[in-house]
Amino acid sequence: MQGDVETYHENGTWKNKVEGNTQASSTHDTKGEAVARGREMAVEHGVEHIIRNMDGTISEKNTYPRSSDPRNIRG
């Protein structure tokens, strides 16, 4: 796995997709389940996890491991 992990809503389902892939890596009934799995994937591969709201706007971005975060801000 090379790219960041994105959690998003599409066609009534929450999904996780790795950047560059054409298909979702996992599908879930709830946002919470999708976020948890997306976080696991991002931690395992040391990439960024982008979490989107139902309307497609970004609600969160988390970099794993934290020491790889290029931003010099807390949170």
PDB file of N, CA and C in Angstrom:
ATOM      1  N   MET A   1       0.844  -1.180   0.000  1.00  0.00           N
ATOM      2  CA  MET A   1       0.000   0.000   0.000  1.00  0.00           C
ATOM      3  C   MET A   1       0.884   1.235   0.000  1.00  0.00           C
ATOM      4  N   GLN A   2       0.619   2.147  -0.904  1.00  0.00           N
ATOM      5  CA  GLN A   2       1.457   3.332  -1.047  1.00  0.00           C
ATOM      6  C   GLN A   2       0.757   4.617  -0.616  1.00  0.00           C
ATOM      7  N   GLY A   3      -0.524   4.785  -0.977  1.00  0.00           N
ATOM      8  CA  GLY A   3      -1.199   6.061  -0.787  1.00  0.00           C
ATOM      9  C   GLY A   3      -1.902   6.200   0.545  1.00  0.00           C
ATOM     10  N   ASP A   4      -2.410   7.413   0.770  1.00  0.00           N
ATOM     11  CA  ASP A   4      -3.177   7.713   1.979  1.00  0.00           C
ATOM     12  C   ASP A   4      -4.503   6.969   1.957  1.00  0.00           C
ATOM     13  N   VAL A   5      -5.127   6.843   3.131  1.00  0.00           N
ATOM     14  CA  VAL A   5      -6.418   6.182   3.268  1.00  0.00           C
ATOM     15  C   VAL A   5      -7.493   7.251   3.405  1.00  0.00           C
ATOM     16  N   GLU A   6      -8.563   7.113   2.642  1.00  0.00           N
ATOM     17  CA  GLU A   6      -9.670   8.058   2.693  1.00  0.00           C
ATOM     18  C   GLU A   6     -10.940   7.322   3.115  1.00  0.00           C
ATOM     19  N   THR A   7     -11.630   7.867   4.126  1.00  0.00           N
ATOM     20  CA  THR A   7     -12.920   7.347   4.572  1.00  0.00           C
ATOM     21  C   THR A   7     -13.990   8.291   4.054  1.00  0.00           C
ATOM     22  N   TYR A   8     -14.989   7.747   3.343  1.00  0.00           N
ATOM     23  CA  TYR A   8     -16.009   8.581   2.714  1.00  0.00           C
ATOM     24  C   TYR A   8     -17.332   7.831   2.590  1.00  0.00           C
ATOM     25  N   HIS A   9     -18.395   8.569   2.290  1.00  0.00           N
ATOM     26  CA  HIS A   9     -19.734   8.003   2.130  1.00  0.00           C
ATOM     27  C   HIS A   9     -20.106   8.007   0.659  1.00  0.00           C
ATOM     28  N   GLU A  10     -20.631   6.868   0.194  1.00  0.00           N
ATOM     29  CA  GLU A  10     -21.036   6.764  -1.207  1.00  0.00           C
ATOM     30  C   GLU A  10     -22.153   5.727  -1.328  1.00  0.00           C
ATOM     31  N   ASN A  11     -23.226   6.116  -1.971  1.00  0.00           N
ATOM     32  CA  ASN A  11     -24.348   5.210  -2.243  1.00  0.00           C
ATOM     33  C   ASN A  11     -24.872   4.497  -0.991  1.00  0.00           C
ATOM     34  N   GLY A  12     -24.989   5.235   0.108  1.00  0.00           N
ATOM     35  CA  GLY A  12     -25.550   4.676   1.338  1.00  0.00           C
ATOM     36  C   GLY A  12     -24.603   3.836   2.163  1.00  0.00           C
ATOM     37  N   THR A  13     -23.323   3.810   1.797  1.00  0.00           N
ATOM     38  CA  THR A  13     -22.336   2.990   2.501  1.00  0.00           C
ATOM     39  C   THR A  13     -21.091   3.818   2.803  1.00  0.00           C
ATOM     40  N   TRP A  14     -20.500   3.564   3.966  1.00  0.00           N
ATOM     41  CA  TRP A  14     -19.230   4.194   4.316  1.00  0.00           C
ATOM     42  C   TRP A  14     -18.113   3.303   3.809  1.00  0.00           C
ATOM     43  N   LYS A  15     -17.095   3.909   3.197  1.00  0.00           N
ATOM     44  CA  LYS A  15     -16.029   3.152   2.549  1.00  0.00           C
ATOM     45  C   LYS A  15     -14.659   3.701   2.907  1.00  0.00           C
ATOM     46  N   ASN A  16     -13.665   2.833   2.761  1.00  0.00           N
ATOM     47  CA  ASN A  16     -12.259   3.219   2.863  1.00  0.00           C
ATOM     48  C   ASN A  16     -11.604   2.883   1.542  1.00  0.00           C
ATOM     49  N   LYS A  17     -10.832   3.842   1.031  1.00  0.00           N
ATOM     50  CA  LYS A  17     -10.123   3.610  -0.224  1.00  0.00           C
ATOM     51  C   LYS A  17      -8.710   4.136  -0.087  1.00  0.00           C
ATOM     52  N   VAL A  18      -7.775   3.383  -0.621  1.00  0.00           N
ATOM     53  CA  VAL A  18      -6.384   3.798  -0.640  1.00  0.00           C
ATOM     54  C   VAL A  18      -6.167   4.653  -1.877  1.00  0.00           C
ATOM     55  N   GLU A  19      -5.526   5.795  -1.681  1.00  0.00           N
ATOM     56  CA  GLU A  19      -5.243   6.709  -2.782  1.00  0.00           C
ATOM     57  C   GLU A  19      -4.562   5.957  -3.930  1.00  0.00           C
ATOM     58  N   GLY A  20      -5.095   6.135  -5.132  1.00  0.00           N
ATOM     59  CA  GLY A  20      -4.545   5.474  -6.302  1.00  0.00           C
ATOM     60  C   GLY A  20      -5.303   4.221  -6.708  1.00  0.00           C
ATOM     61  N   ASN A  21      -6.047   3.641  -5.781  1.00  0.00           N
ATOM     62  CA  ASN A  21      -6.852   2.465  -6.105  1.00  0.00           C
ATOM     63  C   ASN A  21      -8.165   2.894  -6.745  1.00  0.00           C
ATOM     64  N   THR A  22      -8.743   2.026  -7.566  1.00  0.00           N
ATOM     65  CA  THR A  22     -10.004   2.352  -8.221  1.00  0.00           C
ATOM     66  C   THR A  22     -11.203   1.884  -7.415  1.00  0.00           C
ATOM     67  N   GLN A  23     -11.005   0.894  -6.540  1.00  0.00           N
ATOM     68  CA  GLN A  23     -12.103   0.362  -5.740  1.00  0.00           C
ATOM     69  C   GLN A  23     -11.830   0.550  -4.249  1.00  0.00           C
ATOM     70  N   ALA A  24     -12.923   0.563  -3.483  1.00  0.00           N
ATOM     71  CA  ALA A  24     -12.815   0.666  -2.033  1.00  0.00           C
ATOM     72  C   ALA A  24     -12.139  -0.577  -1.458  1.00  0.00           C
ATOM     73  N   SER A  25     -11.346  -0.384  -0.416  1.00  0.00           N
ATOM     74  CA  SER A  25     -10.682  -1.492   0.267  1.00  0.00           C
ATOM     75  C   SER A  25     -11.603  -2.161   1.271  1.00  0.00           C
ATOM     76  N   SER A  26     -12.556  -1.384   1.817  1.00  0.00           N
ATOM     77  CA  SER A  26     -13.514  -1.937   2.767  1.00  0.00           C
ATOM     78  C   SER A  26     -14.791  -1.112   2.740  1.00  0.00           C
ATOM     79  N   THR A  27     -15.917  -1.752   3.095  1.00  0.00           N
ATOM     80  CA  THR A  27     -17.207  -1.071   3.176  1.00  0.00           C
ATOM     81  C   THR A  27     -17.818  -1.346   4.539  1.00  0.00           C
ATOM     82  N   HIS A  28     -18.612  -0.358   5.042  1.00  0.00           N
ATOM     83  CA  HIS A  28     -19.150  -0.447   6.396  1.00  0.00           C
ATOM     84  C   HIS A  28     -20.529   0.194   6.464  1.00  0.00           C
ATOM     85  N   ASP A  29     -21.315  -0.256   7.425  1.00  0.00           N
ATOM     86  CA  ASP A  29     -22.660   0.289   7.613  1.00  0.00           C
ATOM     87  C   ASP A  29     -22.652   1.644   8.305  1.00  0.00           C
ATOM     88  N   THR A  30     -21.649   1.886   9.170  1.00  0.00           N
ATOM     89  CA  THR A  30     -21.615   3.137   9.922  1.00  0.00           C
ATOM     90  C   THR A  30     -20.289   3.863   9.705  1.00  0.00           C
ATOM     91  N   LYS A  31     -20.323   5.164   9.918  1.00  0.00           N
ATOM     92  CA  LYS A  31     -19.108   5.974   9.805  1.00  0.00           C
ATOM     93  C   LYS A  31     -18.087   5.542  10.844  1.00  0.00           C
ATOM     94  N   GLY A  32     -18.545   5.257  12.052  1.00  0.00           N
ATOM     95  CA  GLY A  32     -17.635   4.848  13.127  1.00  0.00           C
ATOM     96  C   GLY A  32     -16.843   3.605  12.780  1.00  0.00           C
ATOM     97  N   GLU A  33     -17.523   2.610  12.199  1.00  0.00           N
ATOM     98  CA  GLU A  33     -16.843   1.381  11.791  1.00  0.00           C
ATOM     99  C   GLU A  33     -15.813   1.669  10.705  1.00  0.00           C
ATOM    100  N   ALA A  34     -16.194   2.505   9.740  1.00  0.00           N
ATOM    101  CA  ALA A  34     -15.293   2.837   8.636  1.00  0.00           C
ATOM    102  C   ALA A  34     -14.081   3.623   9.132  1.00  0.00           C
ATOM    103  N   VAL A  35     -14.310   4.570  10.030  1.00  0.00           N
ATOM    104  CA  VAL A  35     -13.210   5.375  10.569  1.00  0.00           C
ATOM    105  C   VAL A  35     -12.235   4.481  11.334  1.00  0.00           C
ATOM    106  N   ALA A  36     -12.754   3.568  12.137  1.00  0.00           N
ATOM    107  CA  ALA A  36     -11.891   2.676  12.914  1.00  0.00           C
ATOM    108  C   ALA A  36     -11.023   1.816  11.995  1.00  0.00           C
ATOM    109  N   ARG A  37     -11.618   1.263  10.953  1.00  0.00           N
ATOM    110  CA  ARG A  37     -10.858   0.418  10.016  1.00  0.00           C
ATOM    111  C   ARG A  37      -9.877   1.263   9.214  1.00  0.00           C
ATOM    112  N   GLY A  38     -10.296   2.445   8.789  1.00  0.00           N
ATOM    113  CA  GLY A  38      -9.400   3.328   8.057  1.00  0.00           C
ATOM    114  C   GLY A  38      -8.193   3.728   8.894  1.00  0.00           C
ATOM    115  N   ARG A  39      -8.425   3.991  10.181  1.00  0.00           N
ATOM    116  CA  ARG A  39      -7.327   4.334  11.094  1.00  0.00           C
ATOM    117  C   ARG A  39      -6.351   3.164  11.199  1.00  0.00           C
ATOM    118  N   GLU A  40      -6.885   1.946  11.348  1.00  0.00           N
ATOM    119  CA  GLU A  40      -6.028   0.757  11.429  1.00  0.00           C
ATOM    120  C   GLU A  40      -5.152   0.631  10.187  1.00  0.00           C
ATOM    121  N   MET A  41      -5.756   0.838   9.027  1.00  0.00           N
ATOM    122  CA  MET A  41      -5.013   0.744   7.761  1.00  0.00           C
ATOM    123  C   MET A  41      -3.913   1.804   7.698  1.00  0.00           C
ATOM    124  N   ALA A  42      -4.242   3.037   8.082  1.00  0.00           N
ATOM    125  CA  ALA A  42      -3.273   4.133   8.035  1.00  0.00           C
ATOM    126  C   ALA A  42      -2.121   3.910   9.014  1.00  0.00           C
ATOM    127  N   VAL A  43      -2.430   3.446  10.223  1.00  0.00           N
ATOM    128  CA  VAL A  43      -1.396   3.175  11.224  1.00  0.00           C
ATOM    129  C   VAL A  43      -0.485   2.055  10.733  1.00  0.00           C
ATOM    130  N   GLU A  44      -1.088   0.998  10.211  1.00  0.00           N
ATOM    131  CA  GLU A  44      -0.326  -0.160   9.744  1.00  0.00           C
ATOM    132  C   GLU A  44       0.675   0.204   8.650  1.00  0.00           C
ATOM    133  N   HIS A  45       0.307   1.144   7.788  1.00  0.00           N
ATOM    134  CA  HIS A  45       1.156   1.480   6.647  1.00  0.00           C
ATOM    135  C   HIS A  45       1.855   2.835   6.777  1.00  0.00           C
ATOM    136  N   GLY A  46       1.609   3.530   7.892  1.00  0.00           N
ATOM    137  CA  GLY A  46       2.304   4.800   8.140  1.00  0.00           C
ATOM    138  C   GLY A  46       1.961   5.885   7.134  1.00  0.00           C
ATOM    139  N   VAL A  47       0.649   6.080   6.897  1.00  0.00           N
ATOM    140  CA  VAL A  47       0.186   7.091   5.938  1.00  0.00           C
ATOM    141  C   VAL A  47      -0.848   8.002   6.596  1.00  0.00           C
ATOM    142  N   GLU A  48      -1.347   8.964   5.836  1.00  0.00           N
ATOM    143  CA  GLU A  48      -2.360   9.881   6.343  1.00  0.00           C
ATOM    144  C   GLU A  48      -3.754   9.270   6.193  1.00  0.00           C
ATOM    145  N   HIS A  49      -4.623   9.563   7.165  1.00  0.00           N
ATOM    146  CA  HIS A  49      -6.020   9.118   7.126  1.00  0.00           C
ATOM    147  C   HIS A  49      -6.893  10.356   6.967  1.00  0.00           C
ATOM    148  N   ILE A  50      -7.630  10.416   5.863  1.00  0.00           N
ATOM    149  CA  ILE A  50      -8.513  11.536   5.572  1.00  0.00           C
ATOM    150  C   ILE A  50      -9.943  11.072   5.795  1.00  0.00           C
ATOM    151  N   ILE A  51     -10.665  11.774   6.671  1.00  0.00           N
ATOM    152  CA  ILE A  51     -12.040  11.407   7.007  1.00  0.00           C
ATOM    153  C   ILE A  51     -12.963  12.483   6.464  1.00  0.00           C
ATOM    154  N   ARG A  52     -13.924  12.068   5.654  1.00  0.00           N
ATOM    155  CA  ARG A  52     -14.870  13.007   5.037  1.00  0.00           C
ATOM    156  C   ARG A  52     -16.243  12.899   5.698  1.00  0.00           C
ATOM    157  N   ASN A  53     -16.971  14.015   5.691  1.00  0.00           N
ATOM    158  CA  ASN A  53     -18.359  14.034   6.134  1.00  0.00           C
ATOM    159  C   ASN A  53     -19.228  13.448   5.027  1.00  0.00           C
ATOM    160  N   MET A  54     -20.489  13.260   5.329  1.00  0.00           N
ATOM    161  CA  MET A  54     -21.414  12.706   4.364  1.00  0.00           C
ATOM    162  C   MET A  54     -21.500  13.570   3.102  1.00  0.00           C
ATOM    163  N   ASP A  55     -21.327  14.890   3.239  1.00  0.00           N
ATOM    164  CA  ASP A  55     -21.414  15.795   2.082  1.00  0.00           C
ATOM    165  C   ASP A  55     -20.099  15.888   1.301  1.00  0.00           C
ATOM    166  N   GLY A  56     -19.080  15.159   1.712  1.00  0.00           N
ATOM    167  CA  GLY A  56     -17.813  15.131   0.998  1.00  0.00           C
ATOM    168  C   GLY A  56     -16.752  16.074   1.524  1.00  0.00           C
ATOM    169  N   THR A  57     -17.118  16.973   2.437  1.00  0.00           N
ATOM    170  CA  THR A  57     -16.125  17.879   3.006  1.00  0.00           C
ATOM    171  C   THR A  57     -15.226  17.116   3.985  1.00  0.00           C
ATOM    172  N   ILE A  58     -14.006  17.585   4.131  1.00  0.00           N
ATOM    173  CA  ILE A  58     -13.061  16.922   5.037  1.00  0.00           C
ATOM    174  C   ILE A  58     -13.365  17.320   6.470  1.00  0.00           C
ATOM    175  N   SER A  59     -13.520  16.311   7.335  1.00  0.00           N
ATOM    176  CA  SER A  59     -13.753  16.602   8.746  1.00  0.00           C
ATOM    177  C   SER A  59     -12.475  16.441   9.564  1.00  0.00           C
ATOM    178  N   GLU A  60     -11.571  15.550   9.127  1.00  0.00           N
ATOM    179  CA  GLU A  60     -10.335  15.292   9.860  1.00  0.00           C
ATOM    180  C   GLU A  60      -9.254  14.791   8.929  1.00  0.00           C
ATOM    181  N   LYS A  61      -8.012  15.077   9.314  1.00  0.00           N
ATOM    182  CA  LYS A  61      -6.840  14.486   8.672  1.00  0.00           C
ATOM    183  C   LYS A  61      -5.887  14.100   9.792  1.00  0.00           C
ATOM    184  N   ASN A  62      -5.456  12.855   9.785  1.00  0.00           N
ATOM    185  CA  ASN A  62      -4.534  12.375  10.803  1.00  0.00           C
ATOM    186  C   ASN A  62      -3.370  11.678  10.128  1.00  0.00           C
ATOM    187  N   THR A  63      -2.150  11.998  10.561  1.00  0.00           N
ATOM    188  CA  THR A  63      -0.949  11.401  10.004  1.00  0.00           C
ATOM    189  C   THR A  63      -0.410  10.363  10.974  1.00  0.00           C
ATOM    190  N   TYR A  64      -0.043   9.192  10.455  1.00  0.00           N
ATOM    191  CA  TYR A  64       0.522   8.111  11.271  1.00  0.00           C
ATOM    192  C   TYR A  64       1.856   7.689  10.683  1.00  0.00           C
ATOM    193  N   PRO A  65       2.887   7.521  11.509  1.00  0.00           N
ATOM    194  CA  PRO A  65       2.919   7.911  12.915  1.00  0.00           C
ATOM    195  C   PRO A  65       2.915   9.436  13.053  1.00  0.00           C
ATOM    196  N   ARG A  66       2.539   9.900  14.224  1.00  0.00           N
ATOM    197  CA  ARG A  66       2.422  11.349  14.459  1.00  0.00           C
ATOM    198  C   ARG A  66       3.725  12.085  14.143  1.00  0.00           C
ATOM    199  N   SER A  67       4.842  11.429  14.352  1.00  0.00           N
ATOM    200  CA  SER A  67       6.132  12.078  14.098  1.00  0.00           C
ATOM    201  C   SER A  67       6.347  12.405  12.625  1.00  0.00           C
ATOM    202  N   SER A  68       5.542  11.820  11.739  1.00  0.00           N
ATOM    203  CA  SER A  68       5.642  12.093  10.298  1.00  0.00           C
ATOM    204  C   SER A  68       4.819  13.288   9.860  1.00  0.00           C
ATOM    205  N   ASP A  69       4.043  13.866  10.784  1.00  0.00           N
ATOM    206  CA  ASP A  69       3.175  14.988  10.440  1.00  0.00           C
ATOM    207  C   ASP A  69       4.027  16.204  10.064  1.00  0.00           C
ATOM    208  N   PRO A  70       3.902  16.723   8.836  1.00  0.00           N
ATOM    209  CA  PRO A  70       4.728  17.852   8.417  1.00  0.00           C
ATOM    210  C   PRO A  70       4.321  19.181   9.039  1.00  0.00           C
ATOM    211  N   ARG A  71       3.111  19.233   9.605  1.00  0.00           N
ATOM    212  CA  ARG A  71       2.646  20.492  10.199  1.00  0.00           C
ATOM    213  C   ARG A  71       3.195  20.627  11.603  1.00  0.00           C
ATOM    214  N   ASN A  72       3.563  21.835  11.967  1.00  0.00           N
ATOM    215  CA  ASN A  72       4.124  22.099  13.283  1.00  0.00           C
ATOM    216  C   ASN A  72       3.055  22.701  14.196  1.00  0.00           C
ATOM    217  N   ILE A  73       1.916  21.992  14.305  1.00  0.00           N
ATOM    218  CA  ILE A  73       0.831  22.454  15.168  1.00  0.00           C
ATOM    219  C   ILE A  73       0.344  21.296  16.024  1.00  0.00           C
ATOM    220  N   ARG A  74      -0.256  21.621  17.128  1.00  0.00           N
ATOM    221  CA  ARG A  74      -0.820  20.591  17.998  1.00  0.00           C
ATOM    222  C   ARG A  74      -2.176  20.194  17.478  1.00  0.00           C
ATOM    223  N   GLY A  75      -2.547  18.936  17.742  1.00  0.00           N
ATOM    224  CA  GLY A  75      -3.899  18.509  17.423  1.00  0.00           C
ATOM    225  C   GLY A  75      -4.055  17.672  16.233  1.00  0.00           C
TER     226      GLY A  75
END
